[in-house]
Amino acid sequence: MYAQPQITTARLPLDTRNKLLVLSRTKHKTKSDIIKESLDMYYAQAEAEIDSYTLGEPFFGKYSSGESDLSTTYKERIREKLRARQHSY
């Protein structure tokens, strides 16, 4: 079944309206077509934006060292590695 198009009104600033008119004439398209295409592009862009957490979620916890204290003992581990490196010469 085909849904009937609905009319929506938007108030545009005068400069935006004038730009829309110029673009409409230049592209030989109706103002409605230009607005619909613009909204489609906006929706596609919004759907494509993914936050960093969602992007990295499949990798969280994927690789484990089996040690649960790595985030709290990292400074001591670095010191040990530096000491070992200094004494190897």
Foldseek 3Di string as FASTA:
>chain_A
DDDDDDDDDDDDDPVVVVVLVVVCVVVVHDSVVVVVVVVVVVVVVVVPDDDPCVVCVVVVPPDDPPDDCCVPCVVVVVVVVVVVVVVVD
